[in-house]
Each structure stands twice: as structure tokens, then as C-alpha cells.
N, C-alpha and C. Protein backbone atom coordinates (compact mmCIF):
# COMPACT_ATOMS: atom_id res chain seq x y z
N UNK A 1 -21.78 -4.10 -18.65
CA UNK A 1 -21.77 -5.11 -17.58
C UNK A 1 -21.45 -4.38 -16.27
N UNK A 2 -22.31 -4.57 -15.29
CA UNK A 2 -22.03 -3.93 -14.00
C UNK A 2 -21.10 -4.81 -13.15
N UNK A 3 -20.69 -4.26 -12.01
CA UNK A 3 -19.71 -4.94 -11.16
C UNK A 3 -20.24 -6.29 -10.68
N UNK A 4 -21.51 -6.36 -10.35
CA UNK A 4 -22.08 -7.61 -9.85
C UNK A 4 -22.03 -8.69 -10.93
N UNK A 5 -22.39 -8.34 -12.17
CA UNK A 5 -22.33 -9.30 -13.27
C UNK A 5 -20.91 -9.75 -13.55
N UNK A 6 -19.97 -8.81 -13.47
CA UNK A 6 -18.56 -9.13 -13.68
C UNK A 6 -18.08 -10.12 -12.62
N UNK A 7 -18.41 -9.82 -11.36
CA UNK A 7 -18.01 -10.72 -10.27
C UNK A 7 -18.59 -12.12 -10.47
N UNK A 8 -19.85 -12.18 -10.88
CA UNK A 8 -20.50 -13.47 -11.10
C UNK A 8 -19.82 -14.24 -12.22
N UNK A 9 -19.45 -13.54 -13.29
CA UNK A 9 -18.77 -14.18 -14.40
C UNK A 9 -17.43 -14.78 -13.95
N UNK A 10 -16.68 -14.03 -13.14
CA UNK A 10 -15.39 -14.53 -12.64
C UNK A 10 -15.61 -15.75 -11.76
N UNK A 11 -16.59 -15.68 -10.88
CA UNK A 11 -16.86 -16.79 -9.97
C UNK A 11 -17.22 -18.05 -10.74
N UNK A 12 -18.08 -17.91 -11.73
CA UNK A 12 -18.51 -19.07 -12.50
C UNK A 12 -17.39 -19.66 -13.35
N UNK A 13 -16.41 -18.84 -13.69
CA UNK A 13 -15.32 -19.34 -14.54
C UNK A 13 -14.26 -20.11 -13.77
N UNK A 14 -14.31 -20.04 -12.46
CA UNK A 14 -13.30 -20.75 -11.67
C UNK A 14 -13.59 -22.24 -11.63
N UNK A 15 -12.55 -23.02 -11.82
CA UNK A 15 -12.70 -24.48 -11.85
C UNK A 15 -12.64 -25.10 -10.46
N UNK A 16 -11.78 -24.56 -9.60
CA UNK A 16 -11.59 -25.12 -8.26
C UNK A 16 -12.76 -24.68 -7.36
N UNK A 17 -13.55 -25.66 -6.93
CA UNK A 17 -14.75 -25.38 -6.13
C UNK A 17 -14.43 -24.64 -4.84
N UNK A 18 -13.36 -25.00 -4.14
CA UNK A 18 -13.04 -24.34 -2.87
C UNK A 18 -12.67 -22.88 -3.09
N UNK A 19 -11.93 -22.59 -4.14
CA UNK A 19 -11.57 -21.21 -4.45
C UNK A 19 -12.83 -20.43 -4.85
N UNK A 20 -13.66 -21.06 -5.66
CA UNK A 20 -14.90 -20.41 -6.09
C UNK A 20 -15.76 -20.05 -4.89
N UNK A 21 -15.91 -20.96 -3.97
CA UNK A 21 -16.73 -20.70 -2.79
C UNK A 21 -16.14 -19.60 -1.92
N UNK A 22 -14.82 -19.58 -1.80
CA UNK A 22 -14.16 -18.54 -1.00
C UNK A 22 -14.36 -17.16 -1.63
N UNK A 23 -14.16 -17.08 -2.93
CA UNK A 23 -14.34 -15.80 -3.62
C UNK A 23 -15.80 -15.36 -3.57
N UNK A 24 -16.71 -16.29 -3.73
CA UNK A 24 -18.13 -15.97 -3.65
C UNK A 24 -18.48 -15.40 -2.28
N UNK A 25 -17.93 -15.99 -1.24
CA UNK A 25 -18.16 -15.51 0.12
C UNK A 25 -17.61 -14.09 0.30
N UNK A 26 -16.42 -13.86 -0.21
CA UNK A 26 -15.81 -12.53 -0.11
C UNK A 26 -16.64 -11.50 -0.86
N UNK A 27 -17.07 -11.84 -2.07
CA UNK A 27 -17.85 -10.91 -2.88
C UNK A 27 -19.18 -10.56 -2.21
N UNK A 28 -19.80 -11.51 -1.55
CA UNK A 28 -21.06 -11.24 -0.88
C UNK A 28 -20.90 -10.32 0.32
N UNK A 29 -19.72 -10.36 0.93
CA UNK A 29 -19.49 -9.54 2.11
C UNK A 29 -18.88 -8.17 1.81
N UNK A 30 -18.51 -7.93 0.56
CA UNK A 30 -17.94 -6.65 0.19
C UNK A 30 -18.98 -5.55 0.38
N UNK A 31 -18.53 -4.49 1.01
CA UNK A 31 -19.34 -3.29 1.21
C UNK A 31 -20.50 -3.47 2.19
N UNK A 32 -20.54 -4.57 2.91
CA UNK A 32 -21.54 -4.67 3.95
C UNK A 32 -21.08 -3.79 5.11
N UNK A 33 -21.96 -2.95 5.56
CA UNK A 33 -21.61 -2.03 6.63
C UNK A 33 -21.42 -2.78 7.94
N UNK A 34 -20.39 -2.37 8.66
CA UNK A 34 -20.16 -2.94 9.98
C UNK A 34 -20.82 -2.09 11.04
N UNK A 35 -21.40 -0.96 10.63
CA UNK A 35 -22.01 -0.05 11.59
C UNK A 35 -23.35 -0.57 12.08
N UNK A 36 -23.60 -0.31 13.34
CA UNK A 36 -24.91 -0.64 13.91
C UNK A 36 -25.93 0.35 13.38
N UNK A 37 -27.18 0.07 13.64
CA UNK A 37 -28.24 0.98 13.24
C UNK A 37 -28.10 2.35 13.88
N UNK A 38 -27.65 2.38 15.14
CA UNK A 38 -27.47 3.65 15.85
C UNK A 38 -26.36 4.49 15.21
N UNK A 39 -25.29 3.85 14.81
CA UNK A 39 -24.19 4.58 14.17
C UNK A 39 -24.62 5.05 12.79
N UNK A 40 -25.35 4.22 12.05
CA UNK A 40 -25.87 4.64 10.75
C UNK A 40 -26.76 5.87 10.90
N UNK A 41 -27.62 5.87 11.94
CA UNK A 41 -28.50 7.01 12.19
C UNK A 41 -27.68 8.25 12.54
N UNK A 42 -26.65 8.09 13.35
CA UNK A 42 -25.78 9.20 13.71
C UNK A 42 -25.14 9.80 12.45
N UNK A 43 -24.62 8.95 11.59
CA UNK A 43 -24.00 9.43 10.35
C UNK A 43 -25.03 10.16 9.49
N UNK A 44 -26.26 9.65 9.46
CA UNK A 44 -27.30 10.32 8.68
C UNK A 44 -27.65 11.68 9.28
N UNK A 45 -27.70 11.76 10.61
CA UNK A 45 -27.95 13.04 11.28
C UNK A 45 -26.87 14.06 10.94
N UNK A 46 -25.62 13.60 10.94
CA UNK A 46 -24.50 14.48 10.57
C UNK A 46 -24.66 14.95 9.13
N UNK A 47 -24.96 14.03 8.24
CA UNK A 47 -25.14 14.37 6.82
C UNK A 47 -26.26 15.38 6.64
N UNK A 48 -27.37 15.16 7.32
CA UNK A 48 -28.50 16.08 7.21
C UNK A 48 -28.13 17.48 7.71
N UNK A 49 -27.49 17.56 8.87
CA UNK A 49 -27.14 18.85 9.46
C UNK A 49 -26.12 19.59 8.59
N UNK A 50 -25.09 18.87 8.15
CA UNK A 50 -24.06 19.54 7.34
C UNK A 50 -24.65 20.02 6.01
N UNK A 51 -25.61 19.28 5.48
CA UNK A 51 -26.27 19.72 4.25
C UNK A 51 -27.04 21.01 4.44
N UNK A 52 -27.62 21.18 5.61
CA UNK A 52 -28.36 22.41 5.91
C UNK A 52 -27.44 23.61 6.10
N UNK A 53 -26.21 23.36 6.52
CA UNK A 53 -25.28 24.44 6.84
C UNK A 53 -24.37 24.83 5.68
N UNK A 54 -24.44 24.08 4.60
CA UNK A 54 -23.60 24.38 3.44
C UNK A 54 -23.94 25.76 2.88
N UNK A 55 -22.91 26.50 2.52
CA UNK A 55 -23.09 27.82 1.90
C UNK A 55 -22.22 27.90 0.66
N UNK A 56 -22.30 29.01 -0.03
CA UNK A 56 -21.43 29.18 -1.20
C UNK A 56 -19.96 29.32 -0.78
N UNK A 57 -19.74 29.74 0.47
CA UNK A 57 -18.37 29.94 0.95
C UNK A 57 -17.78 28.67 1.58
N UNK A 58 -18.64 27.82 2.14
CA UNK A 58 -18.16 26.63 2.85
C UNK A 58 -18.98 25.42 2.39
N UNK A 59 -18.27 24.41 1.90
CA UNK A 59 -18.96 23.23 1.39
C UNK A 59 -19.41 22.31 2.51
N UNK A 60 -20.36 21.47 2.17
CA UNK A 60 -20.84 20.44 3.10
C UNK A 60 -19.69 19.55 3.56
N UNK A 61 -18.82 19.20 2.63
CA UNK A 61 -17.68 18.34 2.95
C UNK A 61 -16.74 19.00 3.95
N UNK A 62 -16.49 20.28 3.78
CA UNK A 62 -15.60 21.00 4.70
C UNK A 62 -16.21 21.03 6.11
N UNK A 63 -17.52 21.26 6.18
CA UNK A 63 -18.20 21.28 7.48
C UNK A 63 -18.12 19.89 8.12
N UNK A 64 -18.41 18.87 7.33
CA UNK A 64 -18.40 17.50 7.84
C UNK A 64 -16.99 17.10 8.29
N UNK A 65 -15.97 17.46 7.53
CA UNK A 65 -14.60 17.14 7.91
C UNK A 65 -14.22 17.83 9.21
N UNK A 66 -14.63 19.08 9.38
CA UNK A 66 -14.35 19.79 10.63
C UNK A 66 -15.04 19.13 11.81
N UNK A 67 -16.29 18.77 11.61
CA UNK A 67 -17.05 18.10 12.66
C UNK A 67 -16.43 16.76 13.02
N UNK A 68 -16.13 15.96 12.01
CA UNK A 68 -15.55 14.65 12.28
C UNK A 68 -14.17 14.78 12.94
N UNK A 69 -13.40 15.79 12.56
CA UNK A 69 -12.12 16.02 13.21
C UNK A 69 -12.30 16.33 14.68
N UNK A 70 -13.29 17.16 15.01
CA UNK A 70 -13.56 17.49 16.41
C UNK A 70 -14.02 16.26 17.19
N UNK A 71 -14.85 15.45 16.59
CA UNK A 71 -15.33 14.23 17.25
C UNK A 71 -14.18 13.26 17.47
N UNK A 72 -13.36 13.07 16.46
CA UNK A 72 -12.21 12.14 16.60
C UNK A 72 -11.28 12.60 17.70
N UNK A 73 -11.03 13.90 17.77
CA UNK A 73 -10.17 14.45 18.82
C UNK A 73 -10.79 14.22 20.19
N UNK A 74 -12.08 14.48 20.30
CA UNK A 74 -12.78 14.36 21.59
C UNK A 74 -12.80 12.93 22.11
N UNK A 75 -13.06 11.96 21.21
CA UNK A 75 -13.20 10.58 21.70
C UNK A 75 -11.95 9.74 21.48
N UNK A 76 -10.92 10.34 20.86
CA UNK A 76 -9.63 9.66 20.76
C UNK A 76 -9.56 8.53 19.76
N UNK A 77 -10.17 8.74 18.58
CA UNK A 77 -10.07 7.72 17.53
C UNK A 77 -9.38 8.33 16.32
N UNK A 78 -8.75 7.47 15.54
CA UNK A 78 -8.00 7.94 14.36
C UNK A 78 -8.93 8.17 13.17
N UNK A 79 -9.98 7.40 13.08
CA UNK A 79 -10.88 7.45 11.94
C UNK A 79 -12.32 7.27 12.42
N UNK A 80 -13.25 7.87 11.71
CA UNK A 80 -14.66 7.69 12.07
C UNK A 80 -15.09 6.25 11.83
N UNK A 81 -14.34 5.50 11.05
CA UNK A 81 -14.64 4.08 10.88
C UNK A 81 -14.42 3.30 12.17
N UNK A 82 -13.70 3.90 13.12
CA UNK A 82 -13.45 3.24 14.41
C UNK A 82 -14.55 3.51 15.42
N UNK A 83 -15.55 4.30 15.04
CA UNK A 83 -16.64 4.63 15.95
C UNK A 83 -17.42 3.37 16.30
N UNK A 84 -17.59 3.13 17.59
CA UNK A 84 -18.33 1.96 18.07
C UNK A 84 -19.52 2.42 18.89
N UNK A 85 -20.41 1.49 19.17
CA UNK A 85 -21.61 1.82 19.95
C UNK A 85 -21.27 2.38 21.32
N UNK A 86 -20.20 1.87 21.95
CA UNK A 86 -19.86 2.37 23.28
C UNK A 86 -19.29 3.78 23.24
N UNK A 87 -18.73 4.20 22.11
CA UNK A 87 -18.22 5.57 21.95
C UNK A 87 -19.28 6.53 21.41
N UNK A 88 -20.36 5.98 20.93
CA UNK A 88 -21.39 6.79 20.28
C UNK A 88 -21.98 7.88 21.17
N UNK A 89 -22.32 7.62 22.43
CA UNK A 89 -22.89 8.70 23.25
C UNK A 89 -21.97 9.92 23.36
N UNK A 90 -20.67 9.67 23.51
CA UNK A 90 -19.74 10.79 23.59
C UNK A 90 -19.62 11.50 22.25
N UNK A 91 -19.67 10.75 21.16
CA UNK A 91 -19.64 11.35 19.82
C UNK A 91 -20.89 12.21 19.61
N UNK A 92 -22.03 11.73 20.07
CA UNK A 92 -23.26 12.50 19.94
C UNK A 92 -23.20 13.79 20.76
N UNK A 93 -22.63 13.73 21.95
CA UNK A 93 -22.47 14.94 22.78
C UNK A 93 -21.55 15.94 22.07
N UNK A 94 -20.48 15.44 21.48
CA UNK A 94 -19.57 16.33 20.75
C UNK A 94 -20.28 16.95 19.55
N UNK A 95 -21.10 16.18 18.88
CA UNK A 95 -21.87 16.69 17.75
C UNK A 95 -22.83 17.79 18.20
N UNK A 96 -23.53 17.55 19.29
CA UNK A 96 -24.47 18.56 19.81
C UNK A 96 -23.73 19.84 20.20
N UNK A 97 -22.57 19.69 20.81
CA UNK A 97 -21.77 20.86 21.19
C UNK A 97 -21.30 21.61 19.95
N UNK A 98 -20.85 20.87 18.96
CA UNK A 98 -20.39 21.47 17.71
C UNK A 98 -21.55 22.25 17.06
N UNK A 99 -22.72 21.62 17.04
CA UNK A 99 -23.88 22.28 16.44
C UNK A 99 -24.23 23.57 17.17
N UNK A 100 -24.19 23.54 18.49
CA UNK A 100 -24.54 24.76 19.24
C UNK A 100 -23.48 25.84 19.06
N UNK A 101 -22.23 25.44 18.94
CA UNK A 101 -21.14 26.42 18.76
C UNK A 101 -21.12 27.01 17.35
N UNK A 102 -21.50 26.23 16.36
CA UNK A 102 -21.35 26.66 14.98
C UNK A 102 -22.67 26.78 14.24
N UNK A 103 -23.77 26.76 14.92
CA UNK A 103 -25.07 26.89 14.29
C UNK A 103 -25.35 28.36 14.03
N UNK A 104 -24.95 28.80 12.86
CA UNK A 104 -25.09 30.23 12.52
C UNK A 104 -26.25 30.47 11.58
């Protein structure tokens, strides 16, 4: 049984209609991305570039963590989940600078 089937089974087993509707609403919204299309594209660009730069000595994850740390420092956010459309241009500039500095 996958997670979706399990959630559906729980929802259907609830007797109280208001609780059932609330849980159903929550389950439908779980894991929906809050990112705009532009931010999703930015994240994909980062993933693509870091994948190209991975070596036997340095993992893709290590490169991505370094890049995201530099971006967070530059734009003053605690987490990349805080990236918004208005901060995106500065994040993209930081990414381009990082790529030019570390494109070996």
C-alpha cells in the first residue's frame, strides 16, 4: 500500500465529516511546491550545473551546499526555502559569479 492509498483509507475511516474534510484538504496540499516557475527553473539550473561539476573527490551535494551557502550569505536568507521571486535576480547573479569563480 502506498502513501496515497494509506491516506485515503484513513480519510474514509473518519466518521466526523468536518474532520474528514479538513484532513483531506491537508493531504491534498502536502508537498505542493510553493516555488514559482522561475525559482523551480533556478533550482534545476543549479542541479544541472552541480551535476556536471561532480568529481570523484567532490560530490554534487558538497558543491550544491557550497553554492547555496554562498547564495544565502549574499542575499541574507537562512534557508534556500526562503528564496522569493524578488530575491531571485540577486541569487542568479551570485550563482553566475560562483560558476565563473569555480568553473574548473
